[in-house]
Amino acid sequence: MGGTARTRWPWISLLLSAALVLNPVGLDFLHSAFFAGEQLARNIAQPIVLTALAIMAVVIGLEWLVRSLIARSRARGVTKLS
């Protein structure tokens, strides 16, 4: 039963992204990127946060694509290689 893709929803990437953002370090970094009172802190943290968000979006998109391809191949009746 291991390795089956039952849904196309990219839940692994979403959980990993939530864990990275919603921990104390991630929340502090988001705060310093967008709500810091000092312009230098915002200028340093914003590109880092935006790059991390873009990478997380790409990983979520790749997981969705792989899960869609697996679901489509199983719907056609392709045999398992295990």
C-alpha atoms as a PDB file:
ATOM      1  CA  MET A   1       0.000   0.000   0.000  1.00  0.00           C
ATOM      2  CA  GLY A   2       3.018   2.282   0.159  1.00  0.00           C
ATOM      3  CA  GLY A   3       3.581   4.785  -2.616  1.00  0.00           C
ATOM      4  CA  THR A   4      -0.003   5.090  -3.768  1.00  0.00           C
ATOM      5  CA  ALA A   5      -1.285   8.481  -4.859  1.00  0.00           C
ATOM      6  CA  ARG A   6      -4.933   8.564  -3.851  1.00  0.00           C
ATOM      7  CA  THR A   7      -5.410  12.287  -4.320  1.00  0.00           C
ATOM      8  CA  ARG A   8      -3.928  15.011  -6.476  1.00  0.00           C
ATOM      9  CA  TRP A   9      -3.838  17.424  -3.547  1.00  0.00           C
ATOM     10  CA  PRO A  10      -0.170  18.252  -2.695  1.00  0.00           C
ATOM     11  CA  TRP A  11      -0.583  17.740   1.045  1.00  0.00           C
ATOM     12  CA  ILE A  12       3.040  16.796   1.770  1.00  0.00           C
ATOM     13  CA  SER A  13       4.419  20.055   0.360  1.00  0.00           C
ATOM     14  CA  LEU A  14       1.679  22.096   1.996  1.00  0.00           C
ATOM     15  CA  LEU A  15       2.393  20.562   5.402  1.00  0.00           C
ATOM     16  CA  LEU A  16       6.130  21.148   4.983  1.00  0.00           C
ATOM     17  CA  SER A  17       5.525  24.759   3.936  1.00  0.00           C
ATOM     18  CA  ALA A  18       3.210  25.353   6.895  1.00  0.00           C
ATOM     19  CA  ALA A  19       5.778  23.870   9.266  1.00  0.00           C
ATOM     20  CA  LEU A  20       8.475  26.162   7.864  1.00  0.00           C
ATOM     21  CA  VAL A  21       6.345  29.289   8.101  1.00  0.00           C
ATOM     22  CA  LEU A  22       4.384  28.714  11.304  1.00  0.00           C
ATOM     23  CA  ASN A  23       7.280  28.016  13.651  1.00  0.00           C
ATOM     24  CA  PRO A  24       8.691  30.827  15.839  1.00  0.00           C
ATOM     25  CA  VAL A  25      11.705  31.455  13.588  1.00  0.00           C
ATOM     26  CA  GLY A  26       9.572  31.569  10.437  1.00  0.00           C
ATOM     27  CA  LEU A  27       7.026  33.909  11.998  1.00  0.00           C
ATOM     28  CA  ASP A  28       9.805  36.193  13.258  1.00  0.00           C
ATOM     29  CA  PHE A  29      11.378  36.264   9.811  1.00  0.00           C
ATOM     30  CA  LEU A  30       8.020  37.117   8.200  1.00  0.00           C
ATOM     31  CA  HIS A  31       7.519  39.873  10.758  1.00  0.00           C
ATOM     32  CA  SER A  32      10.946  41.347  10.093  1.00  0.00           C
ATOM     33  CA  ALA A  33      10.382  41.144   6.332  1.00  0.00           C
ATOM     34  CA  PHE A  34       7.073  42.983   6.231  1.00  0.00           C
ATOM     35  CA  PHE A  35       6.369  44.663   9.579  1.00  0.00           C
ATOM     36  CA  ALA A  36       9.771  45.748  10.882  1.00  0.00           C
ATOM     37  CA  GLY A  37      10.112  49.357  11.875  1.00  0.00           C
ATOM     38  CA  GLU A  38      13.561  49.566  10.342  1.00  0.00           C
ATOM     39  CA  GLN A  39      13.914  49.832   6.572  1.00  0.00           C
ATOM     40  CA  LEU A  40      17.240  47.950   6.502  1.00  0.00           C
ATOM     41  CA  ALA A  41      15.700  44.872   8.123  1.00  0.00           C
ATOM     42  CA  ARG A  42      12.854  44.893   5.609  1.00  0.00           C
ATOM     43  CA  ASN A  43      15.252  45.323   2.674  1.00  0.00           C
ATOM     44  CA  ILE A  44      17.337  42.355   3.815  1.00  0.00           C
ATOM     45  CA  ALA A  45      14.511  39.987   4.725  1.00  0.00           C
ATOM     46  CA  GLN A  46      11.993  40.646   1.932  1.00  0.00           C
ATOM     47  CA  PRO A  47      13.982  39.107  -0.955  1.00  0.00           C
ATOM     48  CA  ILE A  48      14.791  36.074   1.167  1.00  0.00           C
ATOM     49  CA  VAL A  49      11.144  35.553   2.150  1.00  0.00           C
ATOM     50  CA  LEU A  50       9.859  36.099  -1.384  1.00  0.00           C
ATOM     51  CA  THR A  51      12.430  33.662  -2.793  1.00  0.00           C
ATOM     52  CA  ALA A  52      11.470  31.045  -0.193  1.00  0.00           C
ATOM     53  CA  LEU A  53       7.778  31.519  -1.033  1.00  0.00           C
ATOM     54  CA  ALA A  54       8.534  31.103  -4.744  1.00  0.00           C
ATOM     55  CA  ILE A  55      10.499  27.907  -4.068  1.00  0.00           C
ATOM     56  CA  MET A  56       7.668  26.544  -1.924  1.00  0.00           C
ATOM     57  CA  ALA A  57       5.163  27.341  -4.696  1.00  0.00           C
ATOM     58  CA  VAL A  58       7.319  25.504  -7.264  1.00  0.00           C
ATOM     59  CA  VAL A  59       7.626  22.458  -4.988  1.00  0.00           C
ATOM     60  CA  ILE A  60       3.854  22.427  -4.415  1.00  0.00           C
ATOM     61  CA  GLY A  61       3.284  22.676  -8.172  1.00  0.00           C
ATOM     62  CA  LEU A  62       5.719  19.841  -8.866  1.00  0.00           C
ATOM     63  CA  GLU A  63       4.052  17.600  -6.303  1.00  0.00           C
ATOM     64  CA  TRP A  64       0.648  18.329  -7.809  1.00  0.00           C
ATOM     65  CA  LEU A  65       2.001  17.545 -11.305  1.00  0.00           C
ATOM     66  CA  VAL A  66       3.555  14.237 -10.221  1.00  0.00           C
ATOM     67  CA  ARG A  67       0.403  13.208  -8.373  1.00  0.00           C
ATOM     68  CA  SER A  68      -1.702  14.093 -11.431  1.00  0.00           C
ATOM     69  CA  LEU A  69       0.532  12.054 -13.719  1.00  0.00           C
ATOM     70  CA  ILE A  70       0.391   9.066 -11.372  1.00  0.00           C
ATOM     71  CA  ALA A  71      -3.388   9.300 -11.075  1.00  0.00           C
ATOM     72  CA  ARG A  72      -3.760   9.588 -14.850  1.00  0.00           C
ATOM     73  CA  SER A  73      -1.500   6.596 -15.518  1.00  0.00           C
ATOM     74  CA  ARG A  74      -3.393   4.482 -12.988  1.00  0.00           C
ATOM     75  CA  ALA A  75      -6.702   5.482 -14.551  1.00  0.00           C
ATOM     76  CA  ARG A  76      -5.427   4.167 -17.907  1.00  0.00           C
ATOM     77  CA  GLY A  77      -4.556   0.865 -16.267  1.00  0.00           C
ATOM     78  CA  VAL A  78      -0.758   0.993 -16.336  1.00  0.00           C
ATOM     79  CA  THR A  79       0.614  -1.845 -14.215  1.00  0.00           C
ATOM     80  CA  LYS A  80       2.561  -1.257 -11.017  1.00  0.00           C
ATOM     81  CA  LEU A  81       6.299  -1.959 -11.075  1.00  0.00           C
ATOM     82  CA  SER A  82       6.571  -3.067  -7.445  1.00  0.00           C
END
